[in-house]
C-alpha atoms as a PDB file:
ATOM      1  CA  MET A   1       0.332  -0.023   0.006  1.00  0.00           C
ATOM      2  CA  LEU A   2       2.605   2.402   0.495  1.00  0.00           C
ATOM      3  CA  GLU A   3       4.631   1.762  -2.477  1.00  0.00           C
ATOM      4  CA  TYR A   4       1.150   2.742  -4.022  1.00  0.00           C
ATOM      5  CA  LEU A   5       0.639   5.645  -1.918  1.00  0.00           C
ATOM      6  CA  GLN A   6       4.176   6.864  -2.774  1.00  0.00           C
ATOM      7  CA  THR A   7       3.174   7.079  -6.633  1.00  0.00           C
ATOM      8  CA  LEU A   8       0.477   9.627  -5.844  1.00  0.00           C
ATOM      9  CA  PHE A   9       3.519  12.439  -4.702  1.00  0.00           C
ATOM     10  CA  GLN A  10       6.265  10.741  -7.148  1.00  0.00           C
ATOM     11  CA  GLU A  11       4.211  11.278 -10.057  1.00  0.00           C
ATOM     12  CA  PRO A  12       0.866  12.451  -9.203  1.00  0.00           C
ATOM     13  CA  LEU A  13      -0.837  12.297 -12.947  1.00  0.00           C
ATOM     14  CA  ALA A  14       0.734   8.579 -13.213  1.00  0.00           C
ATOM     15  CA  PHE A  15      -1.281   7.756 -10.185  1.00  0.00           C
ATOM     16  CA  PHE A  16      -4.604   9.401 -10.914  1.00  0.00           C
ATOM     17  CA  ASP A  17      -4.240   7.872 -14.637  1.00  0.00           C
ATOM     18  CA  GLN A  18      -3.618   4.766 -12.942  1.00  0.00           C
ATOM     19  CA  ALA A  19      -6.520   5.093 -10.694  1.00  0.00           C
ATOM     20  CA  ILE A  20      -9.189   5.715 -12.430  1.00  0.00           C
ATOM     21  CA  PHE A  21      -8.561   2.624 -14.538  1.00  0.00           C
ATOM     22  CA  ARG A  22      -7.991   0.469 -11.197  1.00  0.00           C
ATOM     23  CA  VAL A  23     -11.273   1.870  -9.804  1.00  0.00           C
ATOM     24  CA  MET A  24     -13.155   0.737 -12.752  1.00  0.00           C
ATOM     25  CA  ALA A  25     -12.045  -2.757 -12.798  1.00  0.00           C
ATOM     26  CA  VAL A  26     -12.501  -3.239  -8.980  1.00  0.00           C
ATOM     27  CA  LEU A  27     -16.296  -1.436  -9.071  1.00  0.00           C
ATOM     28  CA  ILE A  28     -16.674  -4.186 -12.035  1.00  0.00           C
ATOM     29  CA  GLY A  29     -15.252  -6.892  -9.795  1.00  0.00           C
ATOM     30  CA  LEU A  30     -16.812  -5.922  -6.133  1.00  0.00           C
ATOM     31  CA  CYS A  31     -20.321  -4.807  -7.933  1.00  0.00           C
ATOM     32  CA  CYS A  32     -20.373  -8.414  -9.742  1.00  0.00           C
ATOM     33  CA  HIS A  33     -19.235 -10.798  -6.969  1.00  0.00           C
ATOM     34  CA  GLU A  34     -21.766  -9.230  -4.900  1.00  0.00           C
ATOM     35  CA  TRP A  35     -24.405  -9.797  -7.238  1.00  0.00           C
ATOM     36  CA  GLY A  36     -23.461 -13.680  -7.529  1.00  0.00           C
ATOM     37  CA  HIS A  37     -23.699 -14.564  -4.040  1.00  0.00           C
ATOM     38  CA  ALA A  38     -27.339 -12.555  -3.811  1.00  0.00           C
ATOM     39  CA  TYR A  39     -28.247 -14.639  -6.832  1.00  0.00           C
ATOM     40  CA  ALA A  40     -26.896 -17.464  -5.604  1.00  0.00           C
ATOM     41  CA  ALA A  41     -28.934 -16.978  -2.724  1.00  0.00           C
ATOM     42  CA  TYR A  42     -31.806 -16.230  -3.870  1.00  0.00           C
ATOM     43  CA  ARG A  43     -31.876 -19.316  -6.340  1.00  0.00           C
ATOM     44  CA  CYS A  44     -31.311 -21.510  -2.836  1.00  0.00           C
ATOM     45  CA  GLY A  45     -33.986 -20.010  -1.641  1.00  0.00           C
ATOM     46  CA  ASP A  46     -33.453 -17.047   0.646  1.00  0.00           C
ATOM     47  CA  ASP A  47     -34.889 -13.759  -0.768  1.00  0.00           C
ATOM     48  CA  THR A  48     -33.054 -11.685   1.673  1.00  0.00           C
ATOM     49  CA  ALA A  49     -30.930 -10.069  -0.251  1.00  0.00           C
ATOM     50  CA  LYS A  50     -33.041  -9.491  -3.104  1.00  0.00           C
ATOM     51  CA  ARG A  51     -35.644  -7.321  -0.607  1.00  0.00           C
ATOM     52  CA  ALA A  52     -32.606  -5.261   0.961  1.00  0.00           C
ATOM     53  CA  GLY A  53     -31.974  -4.232  -2.928  1.00  0.00           C
ATOM     54  CA  ARG A  54     -29.079  -5.983  -3.204  1.00  0.00           C
ATOM     55  CA  LEU A  55     -29.817  -8.362  -6.704  1.00  0.00           C
ATOM     56  CA  THR A  56     -28.318  -5.873  -8.953  1.00  0.00           C
ATOM     57  CA  LEU A  57     -25.088  -4.352 -10.738  1.00  0.00           C
ATOM     58  CA  ASN A  58     -26.051  -1.272  -9.190  1.00  0.00           C
ATOM     59  CA  PRO A  59     -22.468   0.163  -7.726  1.00  0.00           C
ATOM     60  CA  LEU A  60     -24.407   2.390  -5.912  1.00  0.00           C
ATOM     61  CA  ARG A  61     -26.013  -0.290  -3.955  1.00  0.00           C
ATOM     62  CA  HIS A  62     -23.044  -2.291  -2.973  1.00  0.00           C
ATOM     63  CA  LEU A  63     -20.461   0.304  -2.017  1.00  0.00           C
ATOM     64  CA  ASP A  64     -19.345   0.435   1.346  1.00  0.00           C
ATOM     65  CA  PRO A  65     -17.765   4.311   1.808  1.00  0.00           C
ATOM     66  CA  ILE A  66     -14.377   2.928   3.232  1.00  0.00           C
ATOM     67  CA  GLY A  67     -14.443   0.547   0.543  1.00  0.00           C
ATOM     68  CA  THR A  68     -14.678   3.056  -1.750  1.00  0.00           C
ATOM     69  CA  LEU A  69     -12.181   5.121  -0.333  1.00  0.00           C
ATOM     70  CA  LEU A  70      -9.513   2.416   0.137  1.00  0.00           C
ATOM     71  CA  MET A  71     -10.053   1.596  -3.847  1.00  0.00           C
ATOM     72  CA  PHE A  72      -9.150   4.933  -4.491  1.00  0.00           C
ATOM     73  CA  PHE A  73      -6.195   5.374  -2.399  1.00  0.00           C
ATOM     74  CA  ALA A  74      -4.958   2.551  -0.613  1.00  0.00           C
ATOM     75  CA  GLY A  75      -5.330   0.155  -4.416  1.00  0.00           C
ATOM     76  CA  PHE A  76      -7.709  -2.341  -2.760  1.00  0.00           C
ATOM     77  CA  GLY A  77     -11.095  -2.407  -0.698  1.00  0.00           C
ATOM     78  CA  TYR A  78     -14.088  -3.549  -0.040  1.00  0.00           C
ATOM     79  CA  ALA A  79     -18.019  -4.126  -0.346  1.00  0.00           C
ATOM     80  CA  LYS A  80     -20.571  -3.646   1.722  1.00  0.00           C
ATOM     81  CA  PRO A  81     -21.876  -7.916   2.699  1.00  0.00           C
ATOM     82  CA  VAL A  82     -24.775  -9.111   1.006  1.00  0.00           C
ATOM     83  CA  PRO A  83     -27.441 -10.062   3.820  1.00  0.00           C
ATOM     84  CA  VAL A  84     -28.019 -13.576   3.692  1.00  0.00           C
ATOM     85  CA  ASN A  85     -30.442 -15.805   6.186  1.00  0.00           C
ATOM     86  CA  PRO A  86     -29.388 -19.678   5.975  1.00  0.00           C
ATOM     87  CA  ALA A  87     -32.467 -20.479   7.533  1.00  0.00           C
ATOM     88  CA  ARG A  88     -34.255 -19.926   5.030  1.00  0.00           C
ATOM     89  CA  TYR A  89     -31.842 -21.608   2.409  1.00  0.00           C
ATOM     90  CA  ARG A  90     -34.294 -25.076   0.963  1.00  0.00           C
ATOM     91  CA  GLY A  91     -33.119 -28.603   1.527  1.00  0.00           C
ATOM     92  CA  ASP A  92     -29.470 -29.059   2.677  1.00  0.00           C
ATOM     93  CA  ARG A  93     -28.283 -25.862   4.324  1.00  0.00           C
ATOM     94  CA  ARG A  94     -24.348 -26.598   4.210  1.00  0.00           C
ATOM     95  CA  LYS A  95     -24.604 -27.645   0.560  1.00  0.00           C
ATOM     96  CA  ALA A  96     -26.582 -23.992  -0.128  1.00  0.00           C
ATOM     97  CA  ASP A  97     -23.802 -21.887   2.603  1.00  0.00           C
ATOM     98  CA  LEU A  98     -20.926 -23.290   0.112  1.00  0.00           C
ATOM     99  CA  ILE A  99     -22.933 -22.566  -3.285  1.00  0.00           C
ATOM    100  CA  VAL A 100     -23.507 -19.078  -2.055  1.00  0.00           C
ATOM    101  CA  SER A 101     -20.036 -18.450  -0.406  1.00  0.00           C
ATOM    102  CA  LEU A 102     -18.717 -19.574  -3.910  1.00  0.00           C
ATOM    103  CA  ALA A 103     -20.786 -17.703  -6.393  1.00  0.00           C
ATOM    104  CA  GLY A 104     -18.552 -14.361  -6.211  1.00  0.00           C
ATOM    105  CA  ILE A 105     -15.960 -16.187  -6.101  1.00  0.00           C
ATOM    106  CA  THR A 106     -17.060 -18.422  -9.289  1.00  0.00           C
ATOM    107  CA  VAL A 107     -18.071 -14.994 -10.841  1.00  0.00           C
ATOM    108  CA  ASN A 108     -14.513 -13.372 -10.131  1.00  0.00           C
ATOM    109  CA  LEU A 109     -13.113 -16.536 -12.151  1.00  0.00           C
ATOM    110  CA  LEU A 110     -15.112 -16.113 -14.899  1.00  0.00           C
ATOM    111  CA  LEU A 111     -14.785 -12.462 -15.711  1.00  0.00           C
ATOM    112  CA  CYS A 112     -11.386 -12.754 -15.144  1.00  0.00           C
ATOM    113  CA  VAL A 113     -11.503 -15.116 -18.630  1.00  0.00           C
ATOM    114  CA  LEU A 114     -13.641 -13.127 -20.150  1.00  0.00           C
ATOM    115  CA  PHE A 115     -11.656 -10.060 -19.658  1.00  0.00           C
ATOM    116  CA  THR A 116      -8.234 -12.034 -20.311  1.00  0.00           C
ATOM    117  CA  TYR A 117      -9.565 -12.656 -23.913  1.00  0.00           C
ATOM    118  CA  LEU A 118     -11.210  -9.535 -24.548  1.00  0.00           C
ATOM    119  CA  ALA A 119      -7.576  -7.991 -23.907  1.00  0.00           C
ATOM    120  CA  VAL A 120      -6.045 -10.641 -26.286  1.00  0.00           C
ATOM    121  CA  ALA A 121      -8.481  -9.485 -28.996  1.00  0.00           C
ATOM    122  CA  LEU A 122      -7.982  -5.664 -28.153  1.00  0.00           C
ATOM    123  CA  SER A 123      -4.200  -6.053 -28.333  1.00  0.00           C
ATOM    124  CA  ALA A 124      -4.169  -7.872 -31.681  1.00  0.00           C
ATOM    125  CA  CYS A 125      -5.895  -4.972 -33.260  1.00  0.00           C
ATOM    126  CA  MET A 126      -3.902  -2.880 -31.309  1.00  0.00           C
ATOM    127  CA  TRP A 127      -0.538  -2.957 -31.439  1.00  0.00           C
ATOM    128  CA  ARG A 128       1.231  -2.653 -35.066  1.00  0.00           C
ATOM    129  CA  SER A 129       0.871  -6.305 -36.903  1.00  0.00           C
ATOM    130  CA  ASP A 130       5.009  -6.606 -36.756  1.00  0.00           C
ATOM    131  CA  VAL A 131       5.360  -5.478 -33.409  1.00  0.00           C
ATOM    132  CA  VAL A 132       2.824  -8.576 -32.315  1.00  0.00           C
ATOM    133  CA  ALA A 133       4.813 -10.972 -34.701  1.00  0.00           C
ATOM    134  CA  GLU A 134       8.025  -9.390 -33.320  1.00  0.00           C
ATOM    135  CA  VAL A 135       6.918  -8.997 -29.440  1.00  0.00           C
ATOM    136  CA  GLY A 136       4.528 -12.150 -28.954  1.00  0.00           C
ATOM    137  CA  LEU A 137       0.824 -11.520 -28.226  1.00  0.00           C
ATOM    138  CA  SER A 138       0.974 -13.271 -25.198  1.00  0.00           C
ATOM    139  CA  THR A 139       3.901 -10.877 -23.944  1.00  0.00           C
ATOM    140  CA  LEU A 140       1.953  -7.932 -25.484  1.00  0.00           C
ATOM    141  CA  VAL A 141      -1.378  -8.764 -23.289  1.00  0.00           C
ATOM    142  CA  SER A 142       0.602  -9.648 -19.944  1.00  0.00           C
ATOM    143  CA  TYR A 143      -0.883  -7.053 -17.985  1.00  0.00           C
ATOM    144  CA  ARG A 144       2.154  -5.242 -16.016  1.00  0.00           C
ATOM    145  CA  TYR A 145       3.747  -4.879 -19.409  1.00  0.00           C
ATOM    146  CA  ASN A 146       0.514  -4.106 -21.423  1.00  0.00           C
ATOM    147  CA  ALA A 147      -0.429  -1.468 -18.616  1.00  0.00           C
ATOM    148  CA  VAL A 148       3.347   0.232 -18.484  1.00  0.00           C
ATOM    149  CA  TRP A 149       3.123   0.414 -22.123  1.00  0.00           C
ATOM    150  CA  ALA A 150      -0.509   1.715 -22.683  1.00  0.00           C
ATOM    151  CA  VAL A 151       0.717   4.652 -19.958  1.00  0.00           C
ATOM    152  CA  ILE A 152       3.693   5.244 -22.493  1.00  0.00           C
ATOM    153  CA  ALA A 153       1.635   5.227 -25.428  1.00  0.00           C
ATOM    154  CA  GLY A 154      -1.017   7.603 -24.052  1.00  0.00           C
ATOM    155  CA  TYR A 155       1.205  10.346 -22.395  1.00  0.00           C
ATOM    156  CA  ALA A 156       3.715   9.621 -25.391  1.00  0.00           C
ATOM    157  CA  GLN A 157       2.002   9.171 -28.793  1.00  0.00           C
ATOM    158  CA  GLU A 158       4.486  11.446 -30.518  1.00  0.00           C
ATOM    159  CA  MET A 159       7.369   8.817 -29.463  1.00  0.00           C
ATOM    160  CA  PHE A 160       5.749   5.780 -29.557  1.00  0.00           C
ATOM    161  CA  GLY A 161       2.682   6.248 -31.202  1.00  0.00           C
ATOM    162  CA  ASP A 162       4.181   4.155 -34.025  1.00  0.00           C
ATOM    163  CA  LEU A 163       3.864   0.642 -32.635  1.00  0.00           C
ATOM    164  CA  ILE A 164       0.118   1.260 -32.212  1.00  0.00           C
ATOM    165  CA  ALA A 165      -2.247   0.935 -34.784  1.00  0.00           C
ATOM    166  CA  VAL A 166      -5.354   1.302 -33.487  1.00  0.00           C
ATOM    167  CA  GLY A 167      -4.738   4.775 -30.826  1.00  0.00           C
ATOM    168  CA  TRP A 168      -8.092   4.417 -29.920  1.00  0.00           C
ATOM    169  CA  LEU A 169      -8.140   0.922 -28.209  1.00  0.00           C
ATOM    170  CA  ILE A 170      -5.496   2.222 -25.610  1.00  0.00           C
ATOM    171  CA  PRO A 171      -8.040   2.752 -22.854  1.00  0.00           C
ATOM    172  CA  PHE A 172     -10.311  -0.295 -23.774  1.00  0.00           C
ATOM    173  CA  VAL A 173      -7.039  -2.815 -23.579  1.00  0.00           C
ATOM    174  CA  ARG A 174      -6.351  -1.412 -20.495  1.00  0.00           C
ATOM    175  CA  LEU A 175      -9.363  -1.580 -18.861  1.00  0.00           C
ATOM    176  CA  CYS A 176      -9.972  -5.050 -19.890  1.00  0.00           C
ATOM    177  CA  ALA A 177      -6.325  -6.197 -18.941  1.00  0.00           C
ATOM    178  CA  TYR A 178      -6.889  -4.547 -15.266  1.00  0.00           C
ATOM    179  CA  THR A 179     -10.166  -5.889 -15.177  1.00  0.00           C
ATOM    180  CA  ALA A 180      -9.122  -9.714 -15.731  1.00  0.00           C
ATOM    181  CA  LEU A 181      -6.234  -8.853 -13.006  1.00  0.00           C
ATOM    182  CA  VAL A 182      -8.134  -7.356 -10.225  1.00  0.00           C
ATOM    183  CA  ASN A 183     -11.354 -10.304 -10.311  1.00  0.00           C
ATOM    184  CA  LEU A 184      -8.242 -13.145 -10.385  1.00  0.00           C
ATOM    185  CA  ASN A 185      -7.189 -11.220  -7.270  1.00  0.00           C
ATOM    186  CA  LEU A 186     -10.546 -10.521  -5.894  1.00  0.00           C
ATOM    187  CA  ALA A 187     -11.057 -14.923  -6.522  1.00  0.00           C
ATOM    188  CA  VAL A 188      -7.615 -15.846  -4.938  1.00  0.00           C
ATOM    189  CA  PHE A 189      -8.300 -13.434  -1.862  1.00  0.00           C
ATOM    190  CA  ASN A 190     -11.533 -14.744  -1.020  1.00  0.00           C
ATOM    191  CA  LEU A 191     -10.676 -18.206  -1.414  1.00  0.00           C
ATOM    192  CA  ILE A 192      -7.997 -17.463   1.955  1.00  0.00           C
ATOM    193  CA  PRO A 193      -9.797 -19.252   4.613  1.00  0.00           C
ATOM    194  CA  LEU A 194     -10.253 -16.171   7.132  1.00  0.00           C
ATOM    195  CA  PRO A 195     -13.170 -14.794   8.793  1.00  0.00           C
ATOM    196  CA  PRO A 196     -15.699 -12.634   7.003  1.00  0.00           C
ATOM    197  CA  LEU A 197     -14.087 -14.051   3.667  1.00  0.00           C
ATOM    198  CA  ASP A 198     -15.916 -16.663   1.674  1.00  0.00           C
ATOM    199  CA  GLY A 199     -12.756 -19.172   1.935  1.00  0.00           C
ATOM    200  CA  TYR A 200     -13.460 -19.369   5.809  1.00  0.00           C
ATOM    201  CA  HIS A 201     -17.012 -20.316   4.976  1.00  0.00           C
ATOM    202  CA  VAL A 202     -15.892 -22.554   2.109  1.00  0.00           C
ATOM    203  CA  PHE A 203     -13.498 -24.614   4.468  1.00  0.00           C
ATOM    204  CA  ASN A 204     -15.931 -24.637   7.165  1.00  0.00           C
ATOM    205  CA  ASP A 205     -18.427 -26.296   4.805  1.00  0.00           C
ATOM    206  CA  LEU A 206     -15.666 -28.946   3.692  1.00  0.00           C
ATOM    207  CA  VAL A 207     -13.357 -29.798   6.392  1.00  0.00           C
ATOM    208  CA  PHE A 208     -15.770 -28.912   8.920  1.00  0.00           C
ATOM    209  CA  ARG A 209     -19.004 -29.759   7.966  1.00  0.00           C
ATOM    210  CA  GLY A 210     -20.510 -25.936   9.049  1.00  0.00           C
ATOM    211  CA  ARG A 211     -19.808 -27.051  12.734  1.00  0.00           C
ATOM    212  CA  PHE A 212     -18.419 -23.525  13.658  1.00  0.00           C
ATOM    213  CA  GLN A 213     -20.344 -20.388  13.830  1.00  0.00           C
ATOM    214  CA  LEU A 214     -17.949 -17.190  14.417  1.00  0.00           C
ATOM    215  CA  SER A 215     -20.156 -14.516  15.988  1.00  0.00           C
ATOM    216  CA  GLU A 216     -20.092 -11.033  14.265  1.00  0.00           C
ATOM    217  CA  ARG A 217     -17.608  -9.802  17.044  1.00  0.00           C
ATOM    218  CA  ALA A 218     -15.435 -12.004  15.855  1.00  0.00           C
ATOM    219  CA  PHE A 219     -16.013 -11.182  12.067  1.00  0.00           C
ATOM    220  CA  ARG A 220     -15.839  -7.693  12.918  1.00  0.00           C
ATOM    221  CA  ILE A 221     -12.043  -8.698  14.008  1.00  0.00           C
ATOM    222  CA  GLY A 222     -11.113 -10.959  11.365  1.00  0.00           C
ATOM    223  CA  MET A 223     -11.972  -8.299   8.966  1.00  0.00           C
ATOM    224  CA  LEU A 224      -9.612  -5.737  10.886  1.00  0.00           C
ATOM    225  CA  VAL A 225      -6.628  -8.242  10.674  1.00  0.00           C
ATOM    226  CA  VAL A 226      -7.499  -9.123   7.099  1.00  0.00           C
ATOM    227  CA  LEU A 227      -7.323  -4.903   6.065  1.00  0.00           C
ATOM    228  CA  VAL A 228      -3.871  -5.174   8.469  1.00  0.00           C
ATOM    229  CA  LEU A 229      -2.412  -8.004   6.348  1.00  0.00           C
ATOM    230  CA  SER A 230      -3.474  -6.877   3.247  1.00  0.00           C
ATOM    231  CA  ALA A 231      -2.117  -3.106   4.256  1.00  0.00           C
ATOM    232  CA  GLN A 232       1.137  -4.625   4.839  1.00  0.00           C
ATOM    233  CA  GLY A 233       1.139  -7.061   2.291  1.00  0.00           C
ATOM    234  CA  ALA A 234       1.869 -10.077   3.328  1.00  0.00           C
ATOM    235  CA  LEU A 235      -1.451 -11.240   1.530  1.00  0.00           C
ATOM    236  CA  GLY A 236      -0.266  -9.508  -1.549  1.00  0.00           C
ATOM    237  CA  ASN A 237       2.462 -11.766  -1.481  1.00  0.00           C
ATOM    238  CA  LEU A 238       0.317 -14.652  -0.942  1.00  0.00           C
ATOM    239  CA  ILE A 239      -2.133 -14.051  -3.947  1.00  0.00           C
ATOM    240  CA  SER A 240       0.927 -13.051  -6.347  1.00  0.00           C
ATOM    241  CA  ALA A 241       2.327 -16.095  -5.912  1.00  0.00           C
ATOM    242  CA  VAL A 242      -0.963 -17.689  -7.638  1.00  0.00           C
ATOM    243  CA  VAL A 243      -2.207 -15.306  -9.312  1.00  0.00           C
ATOM    244  CA  ASN A 244       1.059 -15.040 -11.458  1.00  0.00           C
ATOM    245  CA  PRO A 245       1.187 -18.571 -12.669  1.00  0.00           C
ATOM    246  CA  VAL A 246      -2.834 -18.576 -13.481  1.00  0.00           C
ATOM    247  CA  GLN A 247      -1.939 -15.867 -15.690  1.00  0.00           C
ATOM    248  CA  GLY A 248       0.834 -18.195 -17.583  1.00  0.00           C
ATOM    249  CA  LEU A 249      -2.030 -20.410 -17.521  1.00  0.00           C
ATOM    250  CA  LEU A 250      -4.561 -18.112 -19.198  1.00  0.00           C
ATOM    251  CA  LEU A 251      -2.481 -16.956 -21.526  1.00  0.00           C
ATOM    252  CA  ALA A 252      -0.066 -20.137 -22.600  1.00  0.00           C
ATOM    253  CA  PRO A 253      -2.954 -21.180 -25.431  1.00  0.00           C
ATOM    254  CA  VAL A 254      -2.355 -17.105 -26.918  1.00  0.00           C
ATOM    255  CA  ALA A 255       1.402 -17.537 -26.927  1.00  0.00           C
ATOM    256  CA  ALA A 256       1.289 -20.986 -28.310  1.00  0.00           C
ATOM    257  CA  LEU A 257      -0.748 -20.021 -31.691  1.00  0.00           C
ATOM    258  CA  TRP A 258       0.487 -16.242 -31.768  1.00  0.00           C
ATOM    259  CA  GLY A 259       3.939 -16.143 -29.578  1.00  0.00           C
END
């Protein structure tokens, strides 16, 4: 988080340029994640989230004020948790809780795949064909590489613009690349078995068959622990160790076909 904030003071224009795309990507990921929980709960018989107006993709229904500020100034954030009432689930409540817990993660993974290949398709059109042939499409669309070059192309079009075939595609490629990366990070982050993350519910349901029932106070303490670990970068290092190989796996077919 400190490295992220340092950019604000060292290169404010670059910070706000990156923050705009980051916030849009996080908004897409978080809102779809919470919608996934609400939809799964509704299909399992619990209409609590629907009655609370959370069965929607409208960001205003999902955003938390502090979590939104963190998105912009800390590089990570959170939304309001979707309200559920397990007592209203039909059939096996443990199975329903597992489905609802995995729903948000599943949506994030699907969005990651979708936006990864959208970024690939748009990058193939954005970069000159000889640049694609020389560097390789999988390298050009890799999230870190593409974000750096898109910034360069955006701020110094006269110097690097000859590498770009279709300049107006730059923001769309960047948004797709950021959105894919953010959704993959959200999926991995939420699989961590710490309350109140979805991974805790998944771990509890699969390993302990839902026997552990924590209090609201325990969940608040858990949230504080998660925020502290995130701010210190501990969770970021863990997530990166998973995200980087998965990115490579997603881009492997692209590398095999187009380099």
